[in-house]
Protein backbone atom coordinates (compact mmCIF):
# COMPACT_ATOMS: atom_id res chain seq x y z
CA MET A 1 100.02 85.71 110.91
CA PRO A 2 102.44 88.70 110.75
CA LEU A 3 104.11 89.92 107.52
CA VAL A 4 107.75 90.77 107.42
CA VAL A 5 108.30 93.28 104.21
CA MET A 6 112.07 93.23 103.31
CA CYS A 7 113.43 96.40 101.74
CA GLY A 8 116.66 97.70 100.34
CA TYR A 9 118.89 98.33 97.26
CA PRO A 10 119.26 95.51 94.79
CA CYS A 11 121.74 93.26 96.01
CA SER A 12 121.81 94.81 99.69
CA GLY A 13 121.60 91.41 101.50
CA LYS A 14 117.78 91.09 101.60
CA THR A 15 117.57 87.60 100.90
CA ARG A 16 120.43 86.54 103.32
CA ARG A 17 118.45 88.30 106.06
CA ALA A 18 115.03 86.69 105.12
CA GLU A 19 116.59 83.37 105.43
CA GLU A 20 118.33 84.12 108.78
CA LEU A 21 114.94 85.38 109.99
CA LYS A 22 113.09 82.15 108.69
CA VAL A 23 115.86 79.97 110.70
CA CYS A 24 115.14 82.09 113.92
CA PHE A 25 111.41 81.95 113.66
CA GLU A 26 111.38 78.30 112.97
CA ARG A 27 113.93 77.71 115.81
CA ASN A 28 112.02 79.65 118.26
CA THR A 29 108.31 79.08 117.17
CA ASP A 30 106.16 76.38 116.08
CA ARG A 31 104.91 78.67 113.33
CA LYS A 32 105.36 77.75 109.41
CA VAL A 33 107.53 80.42 107.74
CA HIS A 34 107.03 81.16 104.05
CA ILE A 35 109.52 83.36 102.11
CA LEU A 36 107.89 85.07 98.90
CA GLY A 37 109.69 87.01 96.44
CA ASP A 38 111.05 87.67 92.95
CA GLY A 39 113.05 84.26 93.06
CA ALA A 40 109.83 82.26 93.67
CA LEU A 41 108.26 83.59 90.54
CA GLY A 42 111.48 82.82 88.54
CA VAL A 43 111.58 86.62 87.68
CA GLU A 44 114.48 87.51 84.87
CA ARG A 45 115.48 90.80 86.56
CA ASN A 46 116.90 92.57 83.65
CA THR A 47 114.04 91.86 81.55
CA VAL A 48 111.34 92.73 84.05
CA TYR A 49 112.86 95.65 85.39
CA ALA A 50 113.67 97.22 82.04
CA ASP A 51 110.12 97.16 81.22
CA SER A 52 107.52 99.24 83.61
CA GLN A 53 104.55 97.10 82.38
CA LYS A 54 106.29 93.97 83.25
CA GLU A 55 107.70 95.26 86.48
CA LYS A 56 103.88 96.26 87.58
CA ASN A 57 102.45 92.83 86.54
CA VAL A 58 105.29 91.24 88.66
CA ARG A 59 104.54 93.41 91.87
CA ALA A 60 100.87 92.49 91.47
CA SER A 61 101.58 88.87 91.18
CA LEU A 62 103.83 89.03 94.19
CA LYS A 63 101.30 91.08 96.35
CA ALA A 64 98.41 88.54 95.37
CA GLU A 65 100.77 85.72 96.69
CA VAL A 66 101.51 87.61 99.73
CA GLU A 67 97.58 87.97 100.35
CA ARG A 68 97.00 84.25 99.79
CA LYS A 69 99.51 83.40 102.12
CA VAL A 70 99.00 85.65 105.04
CA ASN A 71 96.77 84.13 107.79
CA ARG A 72 96.42 84.00 111.53
CA ASP A 73 98.91 81.21 112.15
CA ASP A 74 101.93 81.55 109.50
CA VAL A 75 104.77 84.05 109.20
CA VAL A 76 105.23 85.49 105.73
CA ILE A 77 108.70 87.00 104.80
CA PHE A 78 108.21 89.09 101.56
CA ASP A 79 111.79 89.19 99.99
CA SER A 80 111.87 91.75 97.18
CA LEU A 81 113.07 95.21 96.43
CA ASN A 82 109.81 96.82 97.81
CA TYR A 83 111.42 100.14 96.76
CA ILE A 84 108.26 102.19 96.06
CA LYS A 85 106.27 104.04 98.85
CA GLY A 86 102.94 103.51 97.24
CA TYR A 87 103.69 99.68 97.00
CA ARG A 88 104.40 99.43 100.50
CA TYR A 89 101.49 101.36 101.48
CA GLU A 90 99.48 98.85 99.58
CA LEU A 91 100.92 95.91 101.55
CA PHE A 92 99.95 98.04 104.65
CA CYS A 93 96.30 98.19 103.72
CA LEU A 94 96.66 94.43 103.02
CA ILE A 95 97.79 93.70 106.42
CA LYS A 96 95.06 95.99 107.89
CA HIS A 97 92.39 94.00 106.19
CA VAL A 98 93.55 90.67 107.08
CA GLN A 99 94.33 91.97 110.76
CA THR A 100 97.65 91.16 111.40
CA PRO A 101 100.87 92.82 112.58
CA HIS A 102 103.75 93.42 109.97
CA CYS A 103 107.11 95.04 110.30
CA LEU A 104 109.88 96.38 107.79
CA VAL A 105 113.54 95.38 107.68
CA TYR A 106 115.47 97.76 105.75
CA CYS A 107 118.93 96.29 104.54
CA LEU A 108 120.78 99.36 104.52
CA THR A 109 123.80 99.57 102.33
CA SER A 110 125.60 102.29 100.29
CA ASP A 111 125.03 101.78 96.30
CA GLU A 112 129.05 101.01 96.08
CA VAL A 113 128.79 98.13 98.37
CA SER A 114 125.50 96.87 96.77
CA SER A 115 127.04 97.14 93.27
CA THR A 116 130.30 95.33 94.30
CA TRP A 117 128.10 92.53 95.73
CA ASN A 118 126.23 92.50 92.43
CA THR A 119 129.40 92.06 90.52
CA CYS A 120 130.22 88.99 92.75
CA ARG A 121 127.06 86.99 91.73
CA ASP A 122 127.00 84.47 88.96
CA ALA A 123 126.44 86.16 85.71
CA ALA A 124 122.76 84.60 85.28
CA GLU A 125 121.96 86.62 88.72
CA GLN A 126 123.47 89.82 88.26
CA TYR A 127 121.75 93.03 87.32
CA SER A 128 122.94 95.09 84.42
CA GLN A 129 124.80 98.34 85.44
CA ASP A 130 122.11 100.17 83.75
CA ILE A 131 119.22 98.38 85.75
CA PHE A 132 120.98 98.59 88.90
CA ASP A 133 121.53 102.52 88.56
CA ALA A 134 118.04 102.93 87.60
CA LEU A 135 116.77 100.93 90.63
CA VAL A 136 119.00 102.82 93.06
CA LEU A 137 118.01 106.03 91.71
CA ARG A 138 114.16 105.28 91.74
CA PHE A 139 114.45 103.80 95.24
CA GLU A 140 112.21 105.40 97.97
CA ALA A 141 113.75 105.04 101.40
CA PRO A 142 111.35 103.81 104.17
CA ASP A 143 110.63 106.36 106.75
CA SER A 144 109.38 105.26 110.36
CA ARG A 145 107.32 108.37 110.67
CA ASN A 146 104.99 106.79 107.87
CA ARG A 147 102.59 104.01 109.51
CA TRP A 148 103.08 101.83 106.61
CA ASP A 149 107.14 101.90 107.10
CA SER A 150 106.87 101.29 110.94
CA PRO A 151 107.98 99.46 112.82
CA LEU A 152 111.14 99.74 110.89
CA PHE A 153 114.35 97.94 111.48
CA SER A 154 117.48 99.15 109.89
CA VAL A 155 120.18 96.72 109.67
CA LEU A 156 123.77 97.60 108.34
CA LYS A 157 125.73 94.78 106.48
CA ASP A 158 127.82 93.89 109.49
CA ASP A 159 124.97 94.39 111.91
CA THR A 160 123.48 91.36 114.09
CA LEU A 161 119.99 90.78 113.20
CA PRO A 162 117.70 92.21 115.68
CA TYR A 163 115.54 89.07 116.11
CA GLU A 164 114.26 89.61 119.56
CA ASP A 165 113.15 93.17 118.74
CA ILE A 166 111.49 91.98 115.31
CA SER A 167 109.74 88.88 117.21
CA ASP A 168 108.30 91.22 119.53
CA ALA A 169 106.99 93.90 116.89
CA LEU A 170 104.98 90.79 115.22
CA PHE A 171 103.97 88.85 118.31
CA LYS A 172 103.43 91.26 120.89
CA ARG A 173 101.83 94.06 119.07
CA LYS A 174 97.86 94.54 118.03
CA ALA A 175 97.36 94.54 114.40
CA PRO A 176 96.58 98.01 113.05
CA PRO A 177 92.71 98.55 113.14
CA PRO A 178 90.78 98.46 109.86
CA ASN A 179 89.43 101.73 108.20
CA GLN A 180 87.03 102.35 105.54
CA SER A 181 89.68 102.10 102.73
CA THR A 182 90.68 98.70 103.64
CA GLN A 183 87.26 97.00 104.53
CA SER A 184 86.29 94.49 101.73
CA GLN A 185 82.48 95.08 101.24
CA PRO A 186 80.25 93.29 98.72
CA LEU A 187 79.95 94.89 95.40
CA SER A 188 76.36 96.04 95.14
CA SER A 189 76.37 99.09 92.86
CA ALA A 190 76.42 98.03 88.95
CA ASN A 191 78.03 101.47 88.16
CA PHE A 192 80.48 101.03 90.67
CA LEU A 193 83.72 101.22 88.17
CA HIS A 194 82.11 103.90 86.33
CA GLU A 195 81.63 105.92 89.73
CA LEU A 196 85.10 105.03 90.89
CA ASP A 197 86.66 106.23 87.69
CA LYS A 198 84.76 109.41 87.58
CA ILE A 199 85.14 110.53 91.30
CA THR A 200 88.78 110.03 91.34
CA GLN A 201 89.25 111.92 88.26
CA ASP A 202 87.14 114.42 89.67
CA VAL A 203 89.44 114.67 92.51
CA LEU A 204 92.52 115.06 90.45
CA LEU A 205 90.89 117.97 88.31
CA ALA A 206 90.07 119.79 91.56
CA ILE A 207 93.97 119.38 92.38
CA PHE A 208 94.78 120.50 89.08
CA ASN A 209 92.55 123.50 89.15
CA SER A 210 93.81 124.56 92.94
CA GLN A 211 97.42 124.51 91.83
CA LYS A 212 96.73 127.70 89.83
CA THR A 213 96.14 129.76 92.92
CA SER A 214 97.79 127.47 95.80
CA VAL A 215 101.04 126.89 97.25
CA ALA A 216 102.58 123.91 99.01
CA GLY A 217 100.84 123.46 102.75
CA ASP A 218 97.67 124.71 101.47
CA LEU A 219 94.44 122.41 102.06
CA VAL A 220 92.28 121.75 98.99
CA THR A 221 88.72 121.03 99.11
CA VAL A 222 87.75 118.29 96.52
CA PRO A 223 84.30 117.25 95.50
CA GLY A 224 82.33 114.98 97.82
CA ALA A 225 85.16 114.66 100.50
CA THR A 226 85.05 115.87 104.07
CA GLU A 227 88.89 115.45 104.23
CA LYS A 228 91.17 117.83 102.21
CA ILE A 229 94.16 117.32 100.17
CA GLU A 230 97.32 118.94 101.59
CA LEU A 231 99.48 120.07 98.62
CA THR A 232 103.09 119.53 98.77
CA SER A 233 105.88 121.36 96.81
CA SER A 234 106.66 117.81 94.96
CA VAL A 235 103.14 117.17 93.86
CA ASN A 236 102.69 116.74 89.87
CA MET A 237 99.89 115.47 87.75
CA ALA A 238 101.97 112.55 86.48
CA GLU A 239 102.58 111.06 90.09
CA LEU A 240 98.83 111.85 90.87
CA ARG A 241 97.74 109.90 87.91
CA LYS A 242 99.91 107.11 88.99
CA LEU A 243 98.42 107.16 92.57
CA ARG A 244 94.98 107.24 90.99
CA ARG A 245 95.84 103.98 88.96
CA GLN A 246 97.35 102.24 91.89
CA PHE A 247 94.05 103.28 94.01
CA ILE A 248 91.81 102.16 91.53
CA SER A 249 93.39 98.69 91.04
CA TYR A 250 93.13 98.28 94.85
CA THR A 251 89.63 99.51 95.12
CA LYS A 252 88.54 97.03 92.27
CA MET A 253 89.61 94.14 94.50
CA HIS A 254 88.15 95.68 97.88
CA PRO A 255 85.19 97.63 96.68
CA THR A 256 83.05 99.66 99.13
CA GLU A 257 79.33 99.38 99.33
CA ASN A 258 78.70 102.96 99.37
CA THR A 259 80.28 104.70 96.45
CA GLY A 260 79.78 108.01 98.61
CA HIS A 261 82.87 106.99 100.36
CA ILE A 262 85.13 106.89 97.52
CA SER A 263 86.08 110.55 97.59
CA ASN A 264 87.53 110.57 101.25
CA MET A 265 89.12 107.00 100.88
CA PHE A 266 91.01 108.47 97.71
CA VAL A 267 92.01 111.81 99.80
CA GLN A 268 93.10 109.68 102.37
CA TYR A 269 95.27 107.47 99.94
CA LEU A 270 96.78 110.72 98.34
CA ASN A 271 97.65 112.30 101.65
CA LYS A 272 99.26 109.26 102.97
CA SER A 273 101.26 108.61 99.73
CA LEU A 274 102.54 112.21 98.98
CA HIS A 275 103.64 112.81 102.52
């Protein structure tokens, strides 16, 4: 039923905490508990995280496995870095579609502590220092103000795991309601992919053109959408193109019956991902 998303630096204690949670759930409930993550796929860390395409493929495989395992009865613990904000949002969309609660467990350590723990591992299990440093640099910390990062449980290395609070968040809380961007609809339009590509490209073009005369905080009107994009100081075309690719990948798996909704769906996705 519920999904627990582990998050943290490399070697921050995520797997240990995931195993602790599994024991607690099995002791206190009659639910099956599945731990999914890099280990289950046999991921060779230094090879995968040195190649952006390989890393992207692994993330897609892991998300697909989460989607297969999440149901109304079992507990799924997703033990991976989950360090990208947009990826955590995709997981949030997934649980909205399945209609099950979720929470985030953030293993909060300093990079110095995690680096020390990394060097204490068997050589075959270690991240190279270059890969470790790059992952720490790219890490996007969760923020409880974001719906996809909430409820958020930050756990320091010497903390006792707040099992009761986590349990309440998963079993005593309603699932987030579905919205248009997470409703899986039958694919009825023969030119859906063409429309998806064109509409999302038009939205990026509108944002690009508006940046010539707008400043951070301005609301930008985009073609075909009733909602507006709120510009941020950090927005750049490289990031927007990356978010567009993520949105297209998700929407291909969950197409909308009415292509007229795509603009608003994409605007919602950008606003949530950029703030």
